[in-house]
Amino acid sequence: MGMTTDFPRRLKEHNLSKHGYTKLHQPWEALEKKTFETRAEARAREQYLKTAAGRRYISKIYSEIV
């Protein structure tokens, strides 16, 4: 979902179709929420999750939840 300082607001926006991509892929739910000390750390994590390895990680987490 990306970076935000207001997680509940961001998730609500995604589910209210405020953004083009999120409108096509709803409803959104949080699989995990992480807090980082710096914006740079958060950005690095977001970039990782957008890689092939990060997508595999997300798939693994999701399959364990379902």
C-alpha atoms as a PDB file:
ATOM      1  CA  MET A   1       0.000   0.000   0.000  1.00  0.00           C
ATOM      2  CA  GLY A   2       2.908   2.335   0.413  1.00  0.00           C
ATOM      3  CA  MET A   3       3.979   4.843   3.016  1.00  0.00           C
ATOM      4  CA  THR A   4       1.739   6.975   5.161  1.00  0.00           C
ATOM      5  CA  THR A   5       1.679   8.700   8.517  1.00  0.00           C
ATOM      6  CA  ASP A   6      -2.064   8.001   8.846  1.00  0.00           C
ATOM      7  CA  PHE A   7      -2.663   4.309   8.170  1.00  0.00           C
ATOM      8  CA  PRO A   8      -6.447   4.182   8.825  1.00  0.00           C
ATOM      9  CA  ARG A   9      -7.018   7.151   6.492  1.00  0.00           C
ATOM     10  CA  ARG A  10      -4.893   5.598   3.728  1.00  0.00           C
ATOM     11  CA  LEU A  11      -6.708   2.255   3.880  1.00  0.00           C
ATOM     12  CA  LYS A  12     -10.079   4.037   3.872  1.00  0.00           C
ATOM     13  CA  GLU A  13      -9.050   6.058   0.796  1.00  0.00           C
ATOM     14  CA  HIS A  14      -8.076   2.874  -1.036  1.00  0.00           C
ATOM     15  CA  ASN A  15     -11.445   1.306  -0.283  1.00  0.00           C
ATOM     16  CA  LEU A  16     -13.371   4.447  -1.263  1.00  0.00           C
ATOM     17  CA  SER A  17     -11.891   4.372  -4.783  1.00  0.00           C
ATOM     18  CA  LYS A  18      -9.945   7.600  -4.376  1.00  0.00           C
ATOM     19  CA  HIS A  19      -7.141   6.315  -6.632  1.00  0.00           C
ATOM     20  CA  GLY A  20      -7.354   4.686 -10.077  1.00  0.00           C
ATOM     21  CA  TYR A  21      -5.431   1.462  -9.385  1.00  0.00           C
ATOM     22  CA  THR A  22      -7.031   0.839  -6.007  1.00  0.00           C
ATOM     23  CA  LYS A  23     -10.494   1.284  -7.489  1.00  0.00           C
ATOM     24  CA  LEU A  24      -9.949  -1.753  -9.718  1.00  0.00           C
ATOM     25  CA  HIS A  25      -8.572  -4.017  -6.994  1.00  0.00           C
ATOM     26  CA  GLN A  26     -10.787  -3.616  -3.969  1.00  0.00           C
ATOM     27  CA  PRO A  27     -11.615  -4.315  -1.231  1.00  0.00           C
ATOM     28  CA  TRP A  28      -8.211  -3.696   0.325  1.00  0.00           C
ATOM     29  CA  GLU A  29      -7.140  -5.209   3.617  1.00  0.00           C
ATOM     30  CA  ALA A  30      -3.882  -4.919   5.509  1.00  0.00           C
ATOM     31  CA  LEU A  31      -1.759  -8.044   5.587  1.00  0.00           C
ATOM     32  CA  GLU A  32       0.806  -6.403   7.805  1.00  0.00           C
ATOM     33  CA  LYS A  33       1.682  -3.003   9.168  1.00  0.00           C
ATOM     34  CA  LYS A  34       5.244  -1.990   9.908  1.00  0.00           C
ATOM     35  CA  THR A  35       6.567   1.115  11.569  1.00  0.00           C
ATOM     36  CA  PHE A  36      10.016   2.468  10.725  1.00  0.00           C
ATOM     37  CA  GLU A  37      12.267   4.977  12.424  1.00  0.00           C
ATOM     38  CA  THR A  38      12.991   6.895   9.233  1.00  0.00           C
ATOM     39  CA  ARG A  39      11.292   7.606   5.953  1.00  0.00           C
ATOM     40  CA  ALA A  40      14.329   6.141   4.161  1.00  0.00           C
ATOM     41  CA  GLU A  41      13.845   2.796   5.922  1.00  0.00           C
ATOM     42  CA  ALA A  42      10.159   2.787   5.008  1.00  0.00           C
ATOM     43  CA  ARG A  43      10.957   3.601   1.380  1.00  0.00           C
ATOM     44  CA  ALA A  44      13.545   0.797   1.200  1.00  0.00           C
ATOM     45  CA  ARG A  45      10.963  -1.690   2.512  1.00  0.00           C
ATOM     46  CA  GLU A  46       8.374  -0.485   0.010  1.00  0.00           C
ATOM     47  CA  GLN A  47      10.885  -0.840  -2.833  1.00  0.00           C
ATOM     48  CA  TYR A  48      11.730  -4.393  -1.696  1.00  0.00           C
ATOM     49  CA  LEU A  49       8.073  -5.402  -1.649  1.00  0.00           C
ATOM     50  CA  LYS A  50       7.775  -4.292  -5.278  1.00  0.00           C
ATOM     51  CA  THR A  51      10.576  -6.657  -6.392  1.00  0.00           C
ATOM     52  CA  ALA A  52      10.065 -10.283  -7.413  1.00  0.00           C
ATOM     53  CA  ALA A  53      11.434 -11.432  -4.048  1.00  0.00           C
ATOM     54  CA  GLY A  54       9.121  -9.040  -2.230  1.00  0.00           C
ATOM     55  CA  ARG A  55       6.113 -10.275  -4.169  1.00  0.00           C
ATOM     56  CA  ARG A  56       7.026 -13.878  -3.268  1.00  0.00           C
ATOM     57  CA  TYR A  57       7.210 -12.803   0.381  1.00  0.00           C
ATOM     58  CA  ILE A  58       3.766 -11.212   0.155  1.00  0.00           C
ATOM     59  CA  SER A  59       2.342 -14.330  -1.528  1.00  0.00           C
ATOM     60  CA  LYS A  60       3.762 -16.511   1.237  1.00  0.00           C
ATOM     61  CA  ILE A  61       2.322 -14.295   3.967  1.00  0.00           C
ATOM     62  CA  TYR A  62      -1.068 -14.188   2.247  1.00  0.00           C
ATOM     63  CA  SER A  63      -1.213 -17.966   1.749  1.00  0.00           C
ATOM     64  CA  GLU A  64      -0.490 -18.490   5.474  1.00  0.00           C
ATOM     65  CA  ILE A  65      -3.319 -16.134   6.463  1.00  0.00           C
ATOM     66  CA  VAL A  66      -5.977 -17.647   4.186  1.00  0.00           C
END
